[in-house]
Amino acid sequence: MRLWICIAFLCTVLCASAERPAMLQGVIRAGQFVRDAVGGAKDMYRAYKDMREANYKGADKYFHARGNYDAARRGPGGAWAARVI
């Protein structure tokens, strides 16, 4: 029974990836946006962590700019995360 379910699922995935209907493309773009946004948030957090580790007065603008730059390079989701954070 499980074998047939796996085969049916695999056939569905293969057929859907071959045709790429508009709804599936929207879901894929949404997934990429979310992945970029999470990656952008990680970039911002990494810059914040580095700033706390450096513990140098007046360096906050540098680390904030670095985090924004790294996040924005990820794509639309990363740019959105940089603006929000």
Protein backbone atom coordinates (compact mmCIF):
# COMPACT_ATOMS: atom_id res chain seq x y z
CA MET A 1 0.00 0.00 0.00
CA ARG A 2 2.75 2.44 0.93
CA LEU A 3 4.60 1.64 -2.27
CA TRP A 4 1.61 2.64 -4.38
CA ILE A 5 1.15 5.86 -2.44
CA CYS A 6 4.82 6.72 -2.98
CA ILE A 7 4.57 5.93 -6.69
CA ALA A 8 1.41 8.05 -7.06
CA PHE A 9 3.02 10.94 -5.19
CA LEU A 10 6.16 10.69 -7.33
CA CYS A 11 4.11 10.68 -10.54
CA THR A 12 2.16 13.72 -9.35
CA VAL A 13 5.34 15.60 -8.54
CA LEU A 14 6.94 14.72 -11.86
CA CYS A 15 3.87 15.73 -13.85
CA ALA A 16 3.49 18.97 -11.91
CA SER A 17 7.13 19.88 -12.37
CA ALA A 18 6.91 19.20 -16.12
CA GLU A 19 3.91 21.45 -16.74
CA ARG A 20 4.35 24.10 -14.06
CA PRO A 21 0.83 25.50 -13.85
CA ALA A 22 0.46 29.12 -12.75
CA MET A 23 -0.68 28.17 -9.25
CA LEU A 24 2.38 25.98 -8.71
CA GLN A 25 4.68 28.75 -9.90
CA GLY A 26 3.06 31.10 -7.40
CA VAL A 27 3.65 28.63 -4.60
CA ILE A 28 7.28 28.19 -5.67
CA ARG A 29 7.83 31.97 -5.75
CA ALA A 30 6.21 32.32 -2.33
CA GLY A 31 8.49 29.61 -0.97
CA GLN A 32 11.55 31.34 -2.40
CA PHE A 33 10.42 34.65 -0.89
CA VAL A 34 10.03 33.07 2.54
CA ARG A 35 13.41 31.34 2.23
CA ASP A 36 15.05 34.65 1.26
CA ALA A 37 13.32 36.43 4.15
CA VAL A 38 14.53 33.86 6.68
CA GLY A 39 18.03 34.04 5.24
CA GLY A 40 17.93 37.84 5.41
CA ALA A 41 16.88 37.70 9.04
CA LYS A 42 19.80 35.36 9.72
CA ASP A 43 22.15 37.82 8.01
CA MET A 44 20.84 40.65 10.17
CA TYR A 45 21.18 38.54 13.31
CA ARG A 46 24.73 37.52 12.37
CA ALA A 47 25.68 41.20 11.94
CA TYR A 48 24.10 42.00 15.32
CA LYS A 49 25.98 39.12 16.96
CA ASP A 50 29.25 40.33 15.41
CA MET A 51 28.54 43.86 16.66
CA ARG A 52 27.99 42.60 20.20
CA GLU A 53 31.16 40.55 19.99
CA ALA A 54 33.24 43.49 18.68
CA ASN A 55 31.96 45.70 21.52
CA TYR A 56 33.38 48.82 19.88
CA LYS A 57 31.74 52.19 20.47
CA GLY A 58 30.29 53.78 17.32
CA ALA A 59 30.51 50.65 15.15
CA ASP A 60 26.77 49.98 15.18
CA LYS A 61 26.16 51.80 11.88
CA TYR A 62 28.78 49.68 10.12
CA PHE A 63 27.32 46.40 11.34
CA HIS A 64 23.77 47.49 10.58
CA ALA A 65 24.78 48.47 7.03
CA ARG A 66 26.62 45.18 6.57
CA GLY A 67 23.60 43.21 7.72
CA ASN A 68 21.31 45.16 5.38
CA TYR A 69 23.68 44.63 2.46
CA ASP A 70 23.97 40.88 3.04
CA ALA A 71 20.21 40.51 3.48
CA ALA A 72 19.34 42.56 0.40
CA ARG A 73 21.65 40.49 -1.81
CA ARG A 74 19.56 37.39 -1.12
CA GLY A 75 16.63 38.63 -3.20
CA PRO A 76 13.24 40.24 -2.67
CA GLY A 77 12.57 38.37 0.58
CA GLY A 78 15.93 39.39 2.02
CA ALA A 79 15.40 43.02 1.03
CA TRP A 80 12.00 42.92 2.71
CA ALA A 81 13.51 41.46 5.88
CA ALA A 82 16.21 44.16 5.89
CA ARG A 83 13.57 46.90 5.62
CA VAL A 84 11.41 45.39 8.35
CA ILE A 85 14.22 44.74 10.80
